[in-house]
N, C-alpha and C. Protein backbone atom coordinates (compact mmCIF):
# COMPACT_ATOMS: atom_id res chain seq x y z
N MET A 1 -160.63 6.14 -12.12
CA MET A 1 -160.46 6.48 -13.73
C MET A 1 -161.47 5.86 -14.53
N THR A 2 -161.99 6.38 -15.33
CA THR A 2 -162.88 5.79 -16.52
C THR A 2 -162.18 4.76 -17.43
N VAL A 3 -163.14 4.23 -18.20
CA VAL A 3 -162.66 3.32 -18.99
C VAL A 3 -162.13 3.99 -20.02
N ARG A 4 -162.46 5.51 -20.45
CA ARG A 4 -162.48 5.73 -21.60
C ARG A 4 -160.75 6.32 -21.49
N GLN A 5 -160.81 6.31 -20.34
CA GLN A 5 -158.96 6.79 -19.69
C GLN A 5 -157.95 5.98 -19.74
N TYR A 6 -158.83 5.08 -19.04
CA TYR A 6 -158.06 3.49 -19.05
C TYR A 6 -157.06 3.14 -20.71
N VAL A 7 -158.11 3.12 -21.16
CA VAL A 7 -157.97 2.78 -22.67
C VAL A 7 -157.14 3.33 -23.19
N LYS A 8 -157.48 4.60 -23.03
CA LYS A 8 -155.77 5.86 -23.62
C LYS A 8 -155.22 5.09 -23.35
N GLU A 9 -154.59 5.18 -21.91
CA GLU A 9 -153.26 4.77 -21.32
C GLU A 9 -152.52 3.64 -21.56
N ASN A 10 -153.32 2.79 -22.33
CA ASN A 10 -152.92 1.51 -22.08
C ASN A 10 -153.17 1.23 -23.66
N TRP A 11 -153.25 1.71 -24.66
CA TRP A 11 -153.60 1.71 -26.07
C TRP A 11 -152.17 1.92 -26.98
N ASN A 12 -151.45 0.95 -27.28
CA ASN A 12 -150.66 1.08 -27.86
C ASN A 12 -150.12 -0.01 -28.87
N VAL A 13 -149.21 0.15 -29.71
CA VAL A 13 -148.98 -1.36 -30.30
C VAL A 13 -148.74 -2.70 -30.11
N PRO A 14 -147.65 -2.68 -29.00
CA PRO A 14 -147.48 -4.09 -28.27
C PRO A 14 -148.72 -4.90 -27.55
N ASN A 15 -149.80 -3.73 -26.57
CA ASN A 15 -150.89 -4.09 -26.41
C ASN A 15 -151.28 -4.13 -27.11
N ALA A 16 -152.04 -3.87 -28.28
CA ALA A 16 -152.68 -4.29 -29.62
C ALA A 16 -152.29 -5.55 -29.99
N LEU A 17 -151.09 -6.02 -30.02
CA LEU A 17 -150.42 -7.22 -30.83
C LEU A 17 -151.11 -8.50 -29.26
N THR A 18 -150.74 -7.98 -28.08
CA THR A 18 -151.34 -8.93 -27.08
C THR A 18 -152.86 -9.47 -27.41
N LEU A 19 -153.58 -8.13 -27.06
CA LEU A 19 -155.04 -8.47 -27.35
C LEU A 19 -155.52 -9.34 -29.03
N LEU A 20 -154.46 -9.21 -30.11
CA LEU A 20 -154.51 -9.79 -30.79
C LEU A 20 -154.42 -11.06 -30.86
N ARG A 21 -153.09 -11.87 -30.42
CA ARG A 21 -152.98 -13.05 -29.48
C ARG A 21 -154.03 -13.75 -28.82
N LEU A 22 -154.58 -12.84 -28.10
CA LEU A 22 -156.07 -13.28 -27.28
C LEU A 22 -156.46 -13.80 -28.59
N MET A 23 -157.56 -13.07 -29.51
CA MET A 23 -158.36 -12.82 -30.56
C MET A 23 -157.97 -14.42 -31.25
N LEU A 24 -156.54 -14.82 -31.52
CA LEU A 24 -155.96 -15.23 -32.23
C LEU A 24 -156.46 -17.11 -31.56
N VAL A 25 -156.91 -16.78 -30.25
CA VAL A 25 -156.94 -18.12 -29.86
C VAL A 25 -158.45 -19.47 -30.36
N PRO A 26 -159.25 -18.78 -30.62
CA PRO A 26 -160.47 -19.27 -30.87
C PRO A 26 -160.25 -19.15 -32.50
N VAL A 27 -159.47 -18.51 -33.13
CA VAL A 27 -159.30 -19.09 -34.32
C VAL A 27 -158.69 -20.70 -34.66
N TYR A 28 -157.51 -20.33 -33.77
CA TYR A 28 -157.07 -21.63 -33.60
C TYR A 28 -157.55 -22.57 -33.48
N VAL A 29 -159.02 -22.42 -32.37
CA VAL A 29 -159.77 -23.51 -32.25
C VAL A 29 -160.60 -24.46 -33.14
N VAL A 30 -160.67 -22.94 -33.74
CA VAL A 30 -162.20 -23.68 -34.70
C VAL A 30 -161.59 -24.20 -36.22
N PHE A 31 -160.31 -24.15 -36.18
CA PHE A 31 -159.24 -24.65 -37.36
C PHE A 31 -158.67 -25.90 -36.89
N PHE A 32 -158.87 -26.28 -35.43
CA PHE A 32 -157.74 -27.68 -35.36
C PHE A 32 -159.45 -28.10 -34.98
N ALA A 33 -160.55 -27.82 -34.45
CA ALA A 33 -161.84 -28.93 -34.37
C ALA A 33 -162.60 -28.77 -35.77
N MET A 34 -162.06 -27.80 -37.18
CA MET A 34 -162.17 -28.83 -38.38
C MET A 34 -161.32 -29.50 -39.34
N GLY A 35 -160.42 -29.84 -38.45
CA GLY A 35 -159.03 -30.95 -39.00
C GLY A 35 -158.47 -29.91 -39.80
N LYS A 36 -158.24 -29.09 -39.59
CA LYS A 36 -157.54 -27.71 -41.03
C LYS A 36 -156.18 -28.00 -40.27
N LYS A 37 -155.66 -28.50 -40.25
CA LYS A 37 -154.13 -28.94 -39.52
C LYS A 37 -153.12 -27.77 -39.57
N TYR A 38 -152.80 -27.36 -40.85
CA TYR A 38 -151.83 -26.39 -40.84
C TYR A 38 -152.31 -25.40 -40.85
N TRP A 39 -153.54 -25.03 -41.10
CA TRP A 39 -153.81 -23.81 -40.83
C TRP A 39 -153.40 -23.40 -39.62
N ALA A 40 -154.04 -24.50 -38.64
CA ALA A 40 -154.25 -24.05 -37.04
C ALA A 40 -152.82 -23.91 -36.49
N LEU A 41 -152.03 -24.79 -37.33
CA LEU A 41 -150.55 -24.56 -37.20
C LEU A 41 -150.06 -23.19 -37.05
N ILE A 42 -150.25 -22.94 -38.76
CA ILE A 42 -149.96 -21.48 -39.05
C ILE A 42 -150.57 -20.11 -37.90
N THR A 43 -151.97 -20.47 -37.59
CA THR A 43 -152.50 -19.45 -36.25
C THR A 43 -151.57 -19.99 -35.30
N PHE A 44 -151.19 -20.67 -34.49
CA PHE A 44 -150.43 -20.54 -34.11
C PHE A 44 -148.73 -20.29 -33.36
N MET A 45 -148.41 -20.30 -35.05
CA MET A 45 -146.97 -19.77 -35.10
C MET A 45 -147.42 -18.34 -35.31
N VAL A 46 -148.20 -17.53 -35.63
CA VAL A 46 -148.17 -16.41 -35.74
C VAL A 46 -148.42 -15.39 -34.74
N ALA A 47 -149.61 -16.31 -33.49
CA ALA A 47 -149.48 -15.64 -32.84
C ALA A 47 -148.18 -15.43 -31.15
N SER A 48 -147.21 -16.77 -31.97
CA SER A 48 -145.92 -17.02 -30.87
C SER A 48 -145.23 -15.23 -31.65
N PHE A 49 -145.30 -15.69 -33.15
CA PHE A 49 -144.49 -14.24 -33.57
C PHE A 49 -144.89 -13.14 -33.36
N THR A 50 -146.63 -12.96 -32.70
CA THR A 50 -146.86 -11.64 -31.94
C THR A 50 -146.55 -11.27 -30.75
N ASP A 51 -146.22 -12.64 -30.18
CA ASP A 51 -145.53 -12.47 -28.77
C ASP A 51 -144.02 -11.96 -29.07
N PHE A 52 -143.24 -12.54 -29.66
CA PHE A 52 -141.99 -11.76 -29.87
C PHE A 52 -141.63 -10.69 -30.17
N LEU A 53 -142.61 -10.05 -31.03
CA LEU A 53 -143.03 -8.65 -31.50
C LEU A 53 -142.73 -7.85 -30.78
N ASP A 54 -144.54 -7.90 -29.85
CA ASP A 54 -144.97 -7.10 -29.07
C ASP A 54 -143.94 -6.39 -27.70
N GLY A 55 -143.30 -7.71 -27.04
CA GLY A 55 -142.03 -7.44 -26.56
C GLY A 55 -140.75 -6.69 -26.85
N GLN A 56 -140.34 -6.75 -27.92
CA GLN A 56 -139.14 -6.12 -29.04
C GLN A 56 -139.86 -4.45 -29.31
N ILE A 57 -141.15 -4.06 -29.66
CA ILE A 57 -141.46 -3.10 -29.54
C ILE A 57 -141.88 -2.09 -28.15
N ALA A 58 -142.13 -2.80 -27.33
CA ALA A 58 -142.18 -2.18 -25.95
C ALA A 58 -140.97 -1.98 -25.27
N ARG A 59 -140.24 -2.76 -25.18
CA ARG A 59 -138.72 -2.54 -24.65
C ARG A 59 -138.19 -1.51 -25.81
N ARG A 60 -138.30 -0.88 -26.78
CA ARG A 60 -137.90 -0.45 -27.12
C ARG A 60 -138.11 0.86 -27.37
N HIS A 61 -139.60 1.44 -27.69
CA HIS A 61 -139.94 2.68 -27.62
C HIS A 61 -141.06 2.85 -26.57
N ASN A 62 -139.86 2.02 -24.89
CA ASN A 62 -140.40 2.56 -23.72
C ASN A 62 -142.37 2.32 -23.65
N LEU A 63 -142.95 1.60 -24.07
CA LEU A 63 -144.20 1.61 -24.33
C LEU A 63 -144.92 0.18 -23.22
N ILE A 64 -144.25 -0.08 -21.69
CA ILE A 64 -144.71 -0.84 -21.12
C ILE A 64 -145.59 -0.60 -20.23
N THR A 65 -146.50 -0.88 -19.93
CA THR A 65 -147.76 -0.56 -19.32
C THR A 65 -148.20 -1.58 -18.00
N ASP A 66 -149.25 -1.19 -16.98
CA ASP A 66 -149.33 -2.47 -16.43
C ASP A 66 -150.09 -3.49 -16.97
N PHE A 67 -151.16 -2.73 -18.04
CA PHE A 67 -152.09 -3.98 -18.67
C PHE A 67 -150.80 -4.49 -19.46
N GLY A 68 -150.33 -4.23 -19.97
CA GLY A 68 -148.99 -5.11 -20.65
C GLY A 68 -148.37 -6.02 -19.82
N LYS A 69 -147.88 -5.61 -18.53
CA LYS A 69 -147.05 -6.60 -18.04
C LYS A 69 -148.18 -7.94 -17.13
N LEU A 70 -149.36 -7.28 -17.49
CA LEU A 70 -150.14 -8.60 -16.63
C LEU A 70 -150.56 -9.93 -17.70
N MET A 71 -151.10 -8.73 -19.05
CA MET A 71 -151.94 -9.50 -19.99
C MET A 71 -151.09 -10.26 -21.11
N ASP A 72 -149.86 -9.93 -21.30
CA ASP A 72 -148.81 -9.95 -22.40
C ASP A 72 -148.32 -11.28 -22.01
N PRO A 73 -148.11 -11.93 -20.85
CA PRO A 73 -147.91 -13.40 -20.30
C PRO A 73 -148.66 -14.36 -19.96
N LEU A 74 -150.40 -13.54 -20.07
CA LEU A 74 -151.27 -14.15 -19.57
C LEU A 74 -151.63 -14.68 -21.18
N ALA A 75 -151.47 -13.63 -21.88
CA ALA A 75 -151.99 -14.00 -23.45
C ALA A 75 -151.25 -15.26 -24.19
N ASP A 76 -150.12 -15.33 -23.70
CA ASP A 76 -148.64 -16.28 -24.05
C ASP A 76 -149.64 -17.50 -23.46
N LYS A 77 -150.05 -17.72 -22.36
CA LYS A 77 -150.14 -18.75 -21.32
C LYS A 77 -151.61 -19.43 -22.04
N ILE A 78 -152.41 -18.74 -22.13
CA ILE A 78 -153.66 -19.21 -22.44
C ILE A 78 -153.26 -19.88 -24.38
N MET A 79 -152.83 -18.93 -24.89
CA MET A 79 -152.50 -19.65 -26.38
C MET A 79 -151.45 -21.28 -26.30
N VAL A 80 -150.60 -20.85 -25.32
CA VAL A 80 -149.40 -22.37 -25.35
C VAL A 80 -150.93 -23.51 -24.68
N LEU A 81 -151.20 -22.75 -23.55
CA LEU A 81 -151.85 -24.03 -23.33
C LEU A 81 -152.94 -24.10 -23.78
N THR A 82 -153.78 -23.66 -24.75
CA THR A 82 -154.76 -24.05 -25.27
C THR A 82 -153.93 -25.63 -26.40
N ALA A 83 -153.53 -24.64 -27.04
CA ALA A 83 -152.70 -25.17 -28.53
C ALA A 83 -151.74 -26.76 -27.40
N MET A 84 -151.44 -27.03 -26.59
CA MET A 84 -151.17 -28.24 -26.05
C MET A 84 -151.92 -29.03 -25.46
N PHE A 85 -153.32 -28.41 -24.63
CA PHE A 85 -154.34 -29.53 -24.93
C PHE A 85 -154.98 -30.08 -26.11
N SER A 86 -154.77 -28.99 -27.25
CA SER A 86 -155.66 -29.44 -28.46
C SER A 86 -154.39 -30.94 -29.24
N MET A 87 -153.49 -30.68 -28.64
CA MET A 87 -152.31 -31.77 -29.15
C MET A 87 -152.45 -33.14 -28.28
N VAL A 88 -152.92 -33.05 -27.44
CA VAL A 88 -153.05 -34.29 -26.32
C VAL A 88 -154.45 -35.11 -26.74
N PHE A 89 -155.29 -34.72 -26.59
CA PHE A 89 -156.78 -35.01 -26.66
C PHE A 89 -156.73 -35.28 -28.51
N GLY A 90 -156.50 -34.55 -29.51
CA GLY A 90 -156.78 -34.08 -31.07
C GLY A 90 -158.07 -34.69 -31.16
N ASN A 91 -158.53 -34.64 -32.68
CA ASN A 91 -159.28 -35.35 -33.25
C ASN A 91 -158.93 -36.18 -34.13
N ARG A 92 -160.64 -36.56 -35.11
CA ARG A 92 -160.93 -37.53 -35.58
C ARG A 92 -159.76 -37.45 -37.12
N HIS A 93 -159.57 -36.12 -37.34
CA HIS A 93 -158.26 -35.56 -38.32
C HIS A 93 -157.10 -35.73 -37.90
N ILE A 94 -156.73 -34.91 -36.41
CA ILE A 94 -155.32 -34.53 -36.35
C ILE A 94 -154.92 -35.40 -34.23
N PRO A 95 -154.33 -36.15 -34.57
CA PRO A 95 -153.89 -37.50 -33.65
C PRO A 95 -153.66 -36.52 -32.35
N GLY A 96 -153.79 -36.94 -31.51
CA GLY A 96 -153.22 -36.52 -30.04
C GLY A 96 -151.73 -36.79 -30.04
N VAL A 97 -151.09 -36.42 -29.70
CA VAL A 97 -149.74 -36.93 -29.17
C VAL A 97 -148.94 -36.74 -28.20
N ILE A 98 -149.45 -35.34 -27.71
CA ILE A 98 -148.72 -34.96 -26.18
C ILE A 98 -149.02 -35.56 -25.11
N PRO A 99 -148.36 -36.04 -23.96
CA PRO A 99 -148.76 -36.87 -22.62
C PRO A 99 -149.42 -35.78 -21.90
N LEU A 100 -150.48 -36.21 -21.30
CA LEU A 100 -151.86 -35.15 -20.49
C LEU A 100 -151.04 -34.46 -19.43
N ALA A 101 -149.71 -35.93 -18.60
CA ALA A 101 -149.12 -35.53 -17.71
C ALA A 101 -148.15 -34.03 -17.72
N ALA A 102 -147.77 -34.26 -18.80
CA ALA A 102 -146.71 -33.02 -19.01
C ALA A 102 -147.76 -31.87 -19.36
N VAL A 103 -148.74 -31.70 -20.08
CA VAL A 103 -149.90 -30.75 -19.96
C VAL A 103 -150.54 -30.27 -18.57
N LEU A 104 -150.72 -31.26 -17.90
CA LEU A 104 -151.11 -30.57 -16.69
C LEU A 104 -150.25 -30.33 -15.34
N VAL A 105 -149.00 -31.09 -15.15
CA VAL A 105 -147.93 -29.86 -15.03
C VAL A 105 -147.93 -28.48 -15.15
N LEU A 106 -147.37 -28.34 -16.38
CA LEU A 106 -147.54 -27.17 -17.27
C LEU A 106 -148.87 -25.93 -16.47
N PHE A 107 -150.22 -26.56 -16.24
CA PHE A 107 -151.07 -25.75 -16.55
C PHE A 107 -151.51 -25.58 -14.65
N VAL A 108 -150.74 -26.25 -13.84
CA VAL A 108 -150.44 -26.41 -12.35
C VAL A 108 -149.58 -25.04 -12.23
N LYS A 109 -148.84 -24.95 -13.04
CA LYS A 109 -147.36 -24.28 -12.81
C LYS A 109 -147.73 -22.96 -13.13
N GLU A 110 -148.46 -22.79 -14.28
CA GLU A 110 -148.77 -21.73 -15.27
C GLU A 110 -149.83 -20.85 -14.56
N ALA A 111 -150.85 -21.46 -13.66
CA ALA A 111 -152.00 -21.23 -12.89
C ALA A 111 -151.30 -20.15 -11.39
N TYR A 112 -150.13 -21.10 -11.40
CA TYR A 112 -149.52 -20.48 -9.26
C TYR A 112 -149.00 -19.09 -10.18
N MET A 113 -148.55 -19.18 -11.39
CA MET A 113 -147.40 -18.08 -11.83
C MET A 113 -148.40 -16.53 -12.17
N VAL A 114 -149.60 -16.72 -13.08
CA VAL A 114 -150.46 -15.77 -12.56
C VAL A 114 -151.42 -15.44 -11.87
N HIS A 115 -151.28 -16.30 -10.51
CA HIS A 115 -152.30 -16.10 -9.80
C HIS A 115 -151.32 -14.92 -8.75
N GLY A 116 -149.67 -15.72 -8.86
CA GLY A 116 -148.63 -14.98 -7.64
C GLY A 116 -148.26 -13.43 -8.45
N SER A 117 -148.29 -13.78 -9.77
CA SER A 117 -147.75 -11.95 -10.93
C SER A 117 -149.07 -11.52 -10.23
N TYR A 118 -150.31 -11.42 -10.12
CA TYR A 118 -151.59 -10.65 -9.70
C TYR A 118 -151.48 -10.16 -8.69
N ARG A 119 -151.25 -10.81 -7.76
CA ARG A 119 -151.19 -10.52 -6.36
C ARG A 119 -149.63 -9.36 -6.23
N MET A 120 -148.60 -9.84 -6.73
CA MET A 120 -147.57 -9.03 -7.01
C MET A 120 -147.74 -8.14 -7.50
N LEU A 121 -148.36 -7.64 -8.30
CA LEU A 121 -148.52 -6.26 -9.07
C LEU A 121 -149.57 -5.62 -8.49
N LYS A 122 -150.80 -6.19 -7.63
CA LYS A 122 -151.79 -5.14 -6.74
C LYS A 122 -150.98 -4.57 -5.93
N LEU A 123 -149.90 -5.21 -5.75
CA LEU A 123 -149.46 -4.41 -4.28
C LEU A 123 -148.07 -3.66 -5.22
N GLY A 124 -148.31 -3.22 -6.12
CA GLY A 124 -146.90 -2.45 -6.80
C GLY A 124 -145.74 -3.35 -7.09
N VAL A 125 -145.61 -4.42 -7.32
CA VAL A 125 -144.70 -5.03 -6.87
C VAL A 125 -144.33 -6.26 -8.53
N VAL A 126 -143.28 -5.88 -8.97
CA VAL A 126 -142.85 -6.43 -10.15
C VAL A 126 -141.54 -7.64 -10.37
N VAL A 127 -142.23 -8.74 -10.51
CA VAL A 127 -141.32 -9.88 -11.25
C VAL A 127 -140.90 -10.02 -11.81
N HIS A 128 -139.86 -9.74 -12.42
CA HIS A 128 -139.33 -10.14 -13.83
C HIS A 128 -139.06 -11.63 -14.20
N SER A 129 -139.20 -11.82 -15.70
CA SER A 129 -139.27 -13.50 -16.14
C SER A 129 -137.99 -13.73 -16.14
N ARG A 130 -137.47 -14.79 -15.22
CA ARG A 130 -135.75 -14.86 -15.51
C ARG A 130 -135.61 -15.75 -16.96
N MET A 131 -134.32 -15.65 -17.53
CA MET A 131 -134.11 -16.52 -19.12
C MET A 131 -134.52 -17.66 -18.67
N ALA A 132 -134.61 -18.47 -17.66
CA ALA A 132 -135.29 -19.97 -18.14
C ALA A 132 -136.17 -19.84 -18.31
N GLY A 133 -137.58 -19.06 -17.41
CA GLY A 133 -138.62 -18.92 -18.05
C GLY A 133 -138.56 -18.85 -19.75
N LYS A 134 -138.11 -17.85 -19.95
CA LYS A 134 -138.14 -17.98 -21.48
C LYS A 134 -137.38 -18.82 -22.91
N VAL A 135 -136.71 -19.43 -22.00
CA VAL A 135 -136.28 -20.62 -22.80
C VAL A 135 -136.91 -21.75 -22.74
N ALA A 136 -137.93 -22.01 -21.82
CA ALA A 136 -138.87 -23.13 -21.24
C ALA A 136 -139.81 -22.70 -22.36
N HIS A 137 -140.78 -21.13 -22.20
CA HIS A 137 -141.66 -20.41 -23.69
C HIS A 137 -141.20 -21.36 -24.96
N CYS A 138 -139.98 -20.70 -25.33
CA CYS A 138 -139.55 -20.94 -26.12
C CYS A 138 -139.52 -22.61 -27.27
N GLY A 139 -139.12 -23.44 -25.56
CA GLY A 139 -139.01 -24.89 -25.90
C GLY A 139 -140.59 -25.58 -26.22
N PHE A 140 -141.54 -25.08 -25.53
CA PHE A 140 -142.82 -25.57 -25.80
C PHE A 140 -143.28 -24.80 -27.22
N ILE A 141 -142.85 -23.77 -27.06
CA ILE A 141 -143.62 -23.42 -28.94
C ILE A 141 -142.78 -24.15 -29.80
N LEU A 142 -141.12 -24.60 -29.65
CA LEU A 142 -140.86 -25.68 -30.84
C LEU A 142 -141.11 -26.87 -30.61
N GLY A 143 -141.60 -27.61 -29.54
CA GLY A 143 -142.19 -28.57 -28.94
C GLY A 143 -143.55 -28.59 -30.09
N LEU A 144 -144.30 -27.69 -29.90
CA LEU A 144 -145.76 -28.13 -30.21
C LEU A 144 -145.96 -27.85 -31.65
N VAL A 145 -144.85 -27.39 -32.74
CA VAL A 145 -144.71 -27.08 -33.72
C VAL A 145 -144.34 -28.17 -34.18
N LEU A 146 -143.50 -29.01 -33.59
CA LEU A 146 -142.79 -30.22 -34.32
C LEU A 146 -144.03 -31.18 -33.83
N SER A 147 -145.13 -31.22 -33.10
CA SER A 147 -145.94 -31.72 -32.87
C SER A 147 -146.98 -32.35 -33.77
N TYR A 148 -146.56 -31.41 -34.85
CA TYR A 148 -147.41 -31.48 -35.79
C TYR A 148 -146.86 -32.38 -36.83
N PHE A 149 -145.66 -32.41 -36.59
CA PHE A 149 -145.06 -33.51 -37.78
C PHE A 149 -144.39 -34.84 -36.36
N HIS A 150 -144.61 -35.60 -35.84
CA HIS A 150 -144.56 -36.66 -34.52
C HIS A 150 -144.32 -37.63 -35.79
N ASP A 151 -145.28 -37.74 -36.90
CA ASP A 151 -144.95 -39.47 -37.05
C ASP A 151 -144.03 -39.56 -38.10
N GLN A 152 -143.49 -38.38 -38.87
CA GLN A 152 -142.42 -37.95 -39.70
C GLN A 152 -140.90 -37.60 -38.79
N LEU A 153 -141.15 -37.38 -37.67
CA LEU A 153 -140.21 -37.14 -36.79
C LEU A 153 -139.55 -38.93 -36.26
N LEU A 154 -140.54 -39.48 -35.72
CA LEU A 154 -140.48 -40.68 -34.96
C LEU A 154 -139.69 -41.73 -36.39
N ALA A 155 -140.33 -41.46 -37.98
CA ALA A 155 -140.10 -42.47 -38.92
C ALA A 155 -138.31 -41.54 -39.00
N ALA A 156 -137.97 -40.45 -38.86
CA ALA A 156 -136.53 -39.84 -39.23
C ALA A 156 -135.48 -39.93 -38.48
N ILE A 157 -136.04 -40.19 -36.78
CA ILE A 157 -135.54 -40.33 -35.95
C ILE A 157 -135.64 -41.37 -35.29
N PRO A 158 -135.37 -42.80 -35.75
CA PRO A 158 -135.56 -43.87 -35.01
C PRO A 158 -135.65 -44.42 -33.60
N GLY A 159 -134.48 -43.58 -33.27
CA GLY A 159 -133.41 -44.74 -31.76
C GLY A 159 -133.59 -43.51 -30.76
N LEU A 160 -134.44 -42.86 -30.72
CA LEU A 160 -134.80 -41.92 -29.57
C LEU A 160 -135.81 -43.00 -28.71
N PRO A 161 -136.32 -42.83 -27.43
CA PRO A 161 -137.03 -43.44 -26.52
C PRO A 161 -138.67 -42.49 -26.68
N MET A 162 -138.37 -41.77 -27.19
CA MET A 162 -139.55 -41.04 -27.69
C MET A 162 -139.53 -39.94 -29.11
N GLY A 163 -140.51 -39.50 -29.35
CA GLY A 163 -140.10 -38.44 -30.54
C GLY A 163 -139.16 -37.37 -30.00
N LEU A 164 -138.89 -36.54 -30.91
CA LEU A 164 -138.33 -35.50 -30.39
C LEU A 164 -139.20 -34.74 -30.30
N ASP A 165 -140.04 -34.64 -30.62
CA ASP A 165 -141.29 -33.11 -30.08
C ASP A 165 -141.53 -33.37 -28.57
N ILE A 166 -142.01 -34.17 -28.24
CA ILE A 166 -142.42 -34.97 -26.90
C ILE A 166 -140.92 -34.85 -25.86
N LEU A 167 -139.81 -34.82 -26.80
CA LEU A 167 -138.63 -34.99 -25.87
C LEU A 167 -138.33 -33.72 -25.38
N ILE A 168 -138.69 -33.00 -26.48
CA ILE A 168 -138.29 -31.19 -25.83
C ILE A 168 -139.11 -30.57 -25.05
N ILE A 169 -140.63 -31.16 -24.99
CA ILE A 169 -141.73 -30.46 -24.64
C ILE A 169 -141.28 -31.01 -22.93
N TRP A 170 -140.85 -32.23 -22.62
CA TRP A 170 -140.56 -32.82 -21.41
C TRP A 170 -139.32 -31.77 -20.60
N ILE A 171 -138.59 -32.16 -21.39
CA ILE A 171 -137.36 -30.99 -20.95
C ILE A 171 -137.47 -29.84 -20.62
N SER A 172 -138.75 -29.23 -21.94
CA SER A 172 -139.05 -27.44 -21.10
C SER A 172 -139.68 -27.49 -20.00
N VAL A 173 -140.74 -28.78 -19.64
CA VAL A 173 -141.21 -28.91 -18.50
C VAL A 173 -140.12 -28.50 -17.25
N ALA A 174 -139.43 -29.00 -17.26
CA ALA A 174 -138.34 -29.23 -16.15
C ALA A 174 -137.84 -28.38 -16.13
N ILE A 175 -137.32 -27.36 -17.15
CA ILE A 175 -137.01 -26.08 -16.99
C ILE A 175 -137.58 -25.11 -16.39
N ALA A 176 -139.23 -25.03 -17.13
CA ALA A 176 -140.02 -24.47 -16.40
C ALA A 176 -140.57 -24.41 -14.83
N LEU A 177 -140.39 -25.54 -14.66
CA LEU A 177 -140.56 -25.61 -12.91
C LEU A 177 -138.95 -25.33 -12.06
N TYR A 178 -138.04 -25.64 -13.15
CA TYR A 178 -136.75 -25.02 -12.52
C TYR A 178 -136.97 -23.20 -12.08
N ALA A 179 -137.41 -23.03 -13.53
CA ALA A 179 -137.99 -21.50 -13.00
C ALA A 179 -138.63 -20.94 -12.33
N MET A 180 -139.82 -22.03 -12.16
CA MET A 180 -140.62 -21.47 -11.17
C MET A 180 -140.44 -21.42 -9.89
N ILE A 181 -139.64 -22.38 -9.50
CA ILE A 181 -138.11 -21.99 -7.89
C ILE A 181 -137.75 -20.95 -7.99
N PHE A 182 -137.35 -20.07 -9.14
CA PHE A 182 -136.21 -18.91 -8.47
C PHE A 182 -137.42 -18.25 -8.82
N TYR A 183 -138.68 -17.94 -9.12
CA TYR A 183 -139.53 -16.81 -9.91
C TYR A 183 -139.90 -16.55 -7.61
N THR A 184 -140.17 -17.79 -7.06
CA THR A 184 -140.93 -18.03 -6.45
C THR A 184 -140.27 -17.17 -5.08
N ARG A 185 -138.73 -17.93 -5.56
CA ARG A 185 -137.73 -16.95 -4.12
C ARG A 185 -137.41 -15.47 -4.55
N ASP A 186 -137.62 -14.85 -5.71
CA ASP A 186 -137.29 -13.62 -5.88
C ASP A 186 -138.50 -12.92 -5.82
N SER A 187 -139.85 -13.37 -5.81
CA SER A 187 -141.31 -12.82 -4.59
C SER A 187 -141.34 -12.76 -3.81
N MET A 188 -141.05 -13.72 -2.92
CA MET A 188 -140.79 -13.42 -1.27
C MET A 188 -139.98 -12.43 -1.40
N LYS A 189 -138.67 -11.80 -1.81
CA LYS A 189 -137.24 -11.74 -1.59
C LYS A 189 -138.01 -9.33 -1.74
N LYS A 190 -138.46 -10.02 -3.15
CA LYS A 190 -138.99 -8.03 -3.65
C LYS A 190 -139.76 -7.86 -2.55
N LEU A 191 -141.10 -9.22 -1.97
CA LEU A 191 -142.17 -9.02 -1.20
C LEU A 191 -141.73 -7.89 0.04
N ARG A 192 -140.82 -9.00 0.94
CA ARG A 192 -139.91 -8.69 1.86
C ARG A 192 -139.30 -7.10 1.94
N GLU A 193 -138.87 -6.72 0.50
CA GLU A 193 -138.11 -5.44 0.66
C GLU A 193 -139.23 -4.57 0.36
N HIS A 194 -140.67 -4.53 -0.47
CA HIS A 194 -141.65 -3.91 -0.23
C HIS A 194 -142.58 -3.87 1.30
N GLN A 195 -142.63 -4.29 1.63
CA GLN A 195 -143.00 -4.15 3.17
C GLN A 195 -142.06 -3.60 3.95
N ALA A 196 -140.78 -4.18 4.18
CA ALA A 196 -139.72 -3.02 5.28
C ALA A 196 -139.82 -1.40 4.32
N ALA A 197 -140.12 -1.13 2.97
CA ALA A 197 -139.94 -0.04 2.86
C ALA A 197 -141.01 0.80 2.95
N GLN A 198 -142.35 -0.23 3.12
CA GLN A 198 -143.88 0.48 3.93
C GLN A 198 -143.46 0.79 5.11
N GLN A 199 -143.20 0.07 6.09
CA GLN A 199 -142.95 0.51 7.21
C GLN A 199 -142.13 1.23 7.62
N GLU A 200 -141.38 1.84 6.43
CA GLU A 200 -140.22 2.89 7.18
C GLU A 200 -140.74 3.98 6.64
N GLN A 201 -141.67 3.82 6.09
CA GLN A 201 -142.54 5.25 5.85
C GLN A 201 -143.47 5.92 6.63
């Protein structure tokens, strides 16, 4: 297949939104590095909205492609991890508030998921995300948005052992690890079924 044919087969609105989300990553980084706190936040929220939008359009109009299966979750992970790391280290204008340990756990988990999804896709096996994974992803987005208002949340809810934003992120980490366990189980099951079908042919 030529590059032109590949682009023609995969060029649709959901995939264009996925590419837009990837292009928003450096935009977010620039705004954050410049200390433009709320512009960075708006960029992250727009990117998160494209994630919701492209999935809805792809399913409603049956525009699901192999490119989208691989790149859509990858774009999500790159955007979220970029924002998470930025709010770990911060800069002189925007304080870092998210624990590094939470982001490292998420990074290892996401790297494992991307590698596993890629290998399974090469074999022609698709393992769909579970509801727990979607809940965790929404939790990370919510926690990240709230982390931009960390000090205000601490002042507003003084009784919590940590900020509400950090609490939501740690809960999301736990849910994400739970989803990873079931993803691994489903992957192994589908791989065995795929291998059995190959042997029967």
